[in-house]
Amino acid sequence: MKYITQIVLLSLIFASCGHSHQGKPADATAAIDGSTVYACPMDCEKGKMYTKPGQCPVCGMDLEPRAVAAPEELPAEAEALSKETETIHDEAMKEMAEMNRHSRRIKEMMTKMSMTKEVAEKYNGVLADMEKAEAGMMSWMAEYKEPTGMAKDEAVKYLQEQKQKIEKNRDDIRAALEAGKKLLPE
């Protein structure tokens, strides 16, 4: 068993020595400027790109050239809307984290105290609003896409709609958070 382990280790060492002939991995700037990068046709390294041709260090196949197009830039108005939307999202995420902490405290408190049916319904209603607000955020994040490739007017309209959606979600999170704070002792 000891010899098998040594053979495997030596094989790995020798295999890793053959990496120098394909160039260094491509960095983000090489992929952004519209240049050519090289990748394994079998995608052995899950998207890893190289700056020079060579062979895949995993399967040994020749790396294939891939032209990487420079990303399209958004018009100034769309770029501003995108940044505003991102800022609102980031604020809402912080508030959602606080809301989730309060939700856990409320659930813990509910398990320790005896409540009337009416009081329990009130607490459960606030918890349901918190869950709905969180689900709204998750849904928005899953559906949101950068408007690359869209016409200027289409991109602006899309971003305006997304900004309104995330503002509403942020407001839902804030309302649920405030309702939750009122249920907890200070």
Protein backbone atom coordinates (compact mmCIF):
# COMPACT_ATOMS: atom_id res chain seq x y z
CA MET A 1 0.00 0.00 0.00
CA LYS A 2 2.89 2.32 0.85
CA TYR A 3 4.37 1.84 -2.65
CA ILE A 4 1.05 2.56 -4.37
CA THR A 5 0.74 5.84 -2.45
CA GLN A 6 4.29 6.81 -3.45
CA ILE A 7 3.61 5.96 -7.11
CA VAL A 8 0.42 8.06 -7.09
CA LEU A 9 2.27 11.00 -5.50
CA LEU A 10 5.12 10.77 -8.01
CA SER A 11 2.64 10.59 -10.88
CA LEU A 12 0.94 13.74 -9.64
CA ILE A 13 4.26 15.55 -9.34
CA PHE A 14 5.32 14.58 -12.87
CA ALA A 15 1.93 15.46 -14.30
CA SER A 16 2.00 18.90 -12.71
CA CYS A 17 5.39 19.63 -14.27
CA GLY A 18 3.86 19.65 -17.76
CA HIS A 19 1.74 22.75 -17.18
CA SER A 20 4.25 25.35 -18.34
CA HIS A 21 3.76 24.88 -22.09
CA GLN A 22 0.25 26.33 -22.36
CA GLY A 23 0.85 29.77 -20.89
CA LYS A 24 -0.48 31.27 -17.73
CA PRO A 25 -4.19 31.32 -16.92
CA ALA A 26 -5.93 34.27 -18.55
CA ASP A 27 -6.81 37.07 -16.21
CA ALA A 28 -9.95 39.19 -16.38
CA THR A 29 -8.32 41.90 -18.50
CA ALA A 30 -7.31 39.42 -21.19
CA ALA A 31 -10.87 38.18 -21.39
CA ILE A 32 -12.40 41.65 -21.49
CA ASP A 33 -10.38 43.37 -24.19
CA GLY A 34 -11.70 41.26 -27.06
CA SER A 35 -8.52 39.17 -27.36
CA THR A 36 -8.23 35.44 -27.94
CA VAL A 37 -7.90 33.04 -25.06
CA TYR A 38 -7.54 29.24 -25.09
CA ALA A 39 -9.59 26.59 -23.32
CA CYS A 40 -10.00 22.83 -23.22
CA PRO A 41 -12.73 21.62 -25.61
CA MET A 42 -13.87 19.20 -22.87
CA ASP A 43 -13.98 22.00 -20.26
CA CYS A 44 -12.00 19.84 -17.82
CA GLU A 45 -11.13 22.85 -15.70
CA LYS A 46 -14.62 24.33 -15.66
CA GLY A 47 -14.12 27.50 -17.69
CA LYS A 48 -10.40 28.04 -17.07
CA MET A 49 -8.79 30.01 -19.90
CA TYR A 50 -5.15 30.41 -20.94
CA THR A 51 -3.34 33.23 -22.73
CA LYS A 52 -1.36 30.89 -25.03
CA PRO A 53 -2.13 27.68 -26.94
CA GLY A 54 -1.03 24.35 -25.49
CA GLN A 55 -2.54 21.19 -24.05
CA CYS A 56 -5.06 20.72 -21.29
CA PRO A 57 -3.19 19.69 -18.15
CA VAL A 58 -6.06 17.34 -17.23
CA CYS A 59 -6.94 15.43 -20.43
CA GLY A 60 -4.03 16.39 -22.72
CA MET A 61 -6.22 17.64 -25.61
CA ASP A 62 -5.10 20.70 -27.54
CA LEU A 63 -6.52 23.92 -26.16
CA GLU A 64 -8.88 25.66 -28.59
CA PRO A 65 -8.92 29.38 -29.28
CA ARG A 66 -11.90 31.33 -28.01
CA ALA A 67 -12.56 34.89 -29.05
CA VAL A 68 -13.89 36.89 -26.15
CA ALA A 69 -15.96 39.87 -27.12
CA ALA A 70 -15.71 43.01 -25.09
CA PRO A 71 -18.88 43.60 -23.09
CA GLU A 72 -21.31 46.18 -24.40
CA GLU A 73 -21.50 49.28 -22.30
CA LEU A 74 -24.81 50.56 -21.07
CA PRO A 75 -25.88 54.12 -21.93
CA ALA A 76 -25.26 56.64 -19.12
CA GLU A 77 -28.94 56.77 -18.07
CA ALA A 78 -29.16 52.98 -17.91
CA GLU A 79 -25.85 52.76 -16.05
CA ALA A 80 -27.14 55.25 -13.44
CA LEU A 81 -30.38 53.28 -13.05
CA SER A 82 -28.40 50.07 -12.69
CA LYS A 83 -26.29 51.57 -9.88
CA GLU A 84 -29.37 52.97 -8.11
CA THR A 85 -31.06 49.57 -8.32
CA GLU A 86 -27.95 47.87 -6.96
CA THR A 87 -27.77 50.34 -4.06
CA ILE A 88 -31.42 49.75 -3.15
CA HIS A 89 -30.85 45.99 -3.34
CA ASP A 90 -27.81 46.20 -1.07
CA GLU A 91 -29.74 48.26 1.52
CA ALA A 92 -32.65 45.82 1.38
CA MET A 93 -30.33 42.84 1.87
CA LYS A 94 -28.93 44.37 5.08
CA GLU A 95 -32.43 45.03 6.36
CA MET A 96 -33.49 41.52 5.37
CA ALA A 97 -30.65 40.08 7.47
CA GLU A 98 -31.88 42.10 10.44
CA MET A 99 -35.46 41.00 9.71
CA ASN A 100 -34.35 37.35 9.71
CA ARG A 101 -32.62 37.80 13.08
CA HIS A 102 -35.86 39.21 14.49
CA SER A 103 -37.83 36.35 12.93
CA ARG A 104 -35.64 33.82 14.72
CA ARG A 105 -36.08 35.68 18.03
CA ILE A 106 -39.85 35.79 17.57
CA LYS A 107 -40.00 32.06 16.83
CA GLU A 108 -37.85 31.31 19.86
CA MET A 109 -40.02 33.53 22.04
CA MET A 110 -43.20 31.86 20.76
CA THR A 111 -41.93 28.43 21.83
CA LYS A 112 -41.27 29.66 25.38
CA MET A 113 -44.45 31.58 26.15
CA SER A 114 -48.07 30.58 26.25
CA MET A 115 -50.30 32.71 24.03
CA THR A 116 -53.93 33.11 23.31
CA LYS A 117 -55.08 32.11 19.85
CA GLU A 118 -55.40 35.80 18.87
CA VAL A 119 -51.90 36.68 20.00
CA ALA A 120 -50.43 33.62 18.24
CA GLU A 121 -52.25 34.63 15.03
CA LYS A 122 -50.76 38.12 15.28
CA TYR A 123 -47.24 36.72 15.70
CA ASN A 124 -47.75 34.20 12.90
CA GLY A 125 -49.06 36.97 10.65
CA VAL A 126 -45.89 39.01 11.16
CA LEU A 127 -43.75 35.92 10.54
CA ALA A 128 -45.70 35.24 7.33
CA ASP A 129 -45.08 38.83 6.18
CA MET A 130 -41.36 38.36 6.87
CA GLU A 131 -41.29 35.13 4.87
CA LYS A 132 -43.18 36.77 2.01
CA ALA A 133 -40.74 39.71 1.95
CA GLU A 134 -37.77 37.34 1.89
CA ALA A 135 -39.34 35.25 -0.87
CA GLY A 136 -39.91 38.47 -2.84
CA MET A 137 -36.21 39.31 -2.59
CA MET A 138 -35.15 35.81 -3.64
CA SER A 139 -37.54 35.92 -6.59
CA TRP A 140 -36.30 39.36 -7.68
CA MET A 141 -32.67 38.24 -7.49
CA ALA A 142 -33.38 35.08 -9.49
CA GLU A 143 -35.17 37.02 -12.24
CA TYR A 144 -32.93 40.11 -12.48
CA LYS A 145 -30.50 40.18 -15.41
CA GLU A 146 -28.17 42.92 -16.56
CA PRO A 147 -29.68 44.47 -19.70
CA THR A 148 -26.71 43.77 -21.96
CA GLY A 149 -27.58 43.52 -25.62
CA MET A 150 -30.79 45.53 -25.23
CA ALA A 151 -31.52 48.71 -27.12
CA LYS A 152 -31.04 51.88 -25.04
CA ASP A 153 -34.76 52.59 -24.59
CA GLU A 154 -35.49 48.96 -23.79
CA ALA A 155 -32.64 48.81 -21.25
CA VAL A 156 -33.80 52.01 -19.53
CA LYS A 157 -37.41 50.77 -19.35
CA TYR A 158 -36.30 47.40 -17.99
CA LEU A 159 -34.11 49.00 -15.32
CA GLN A 160 -36.88 51.41 -14.28
CA GLU A 161 -39.19 48.43 -13.79
CA GLN A 162 -36.53 46.55 -11.82
CA LYS A 163 -35.86 49.59 -9.65
CA GLN A 164 -39.57 49.87 -8.83
CA LYS A 165 -39.76 46.16 -7.99
CA ILE A 166 -36.76 46.26 -5.66
CA GLU A 167 -38.03 49.46 -4.01
CA LYS A 168 -41.34 47.74 -3.27
CA ASN A 169 -39.51 44.70 -1.93
CA ARG A 170 -37.31 46.90 0.26
CA ASP A 171 -40.46 48.61 1.60
CA ASP A 172 -42.05 45.21 2.31
CA ILE A 173 -38.92 44.14 4.20
CA ARG A 174 -38.91 47.38 6.21
CA ALA A 175 -42.60 47.04 7.11
CA ALA A 176 -42.17 43.42 8.20
CA LEU A 177 -39.06 44.32 10.18
CA GLU A 178 -40.83 47.15 12.02
CA ALA A 179 -43.80 44.92 12.80
CA GLY A 180 -41.41 42.29 14.14
CA LYS A 181 -39.58 44.80 16.32
CA LYS A 182 -42.88 45.76 17.95
CA LEU A 183 -43.48 42.15 18.99
CA LEU A 184 -40.17 41.78 20.79
CA PRO A 185 -39.46 43.11 24.28
CA GLU A 186 -36.79 45.76 24.42
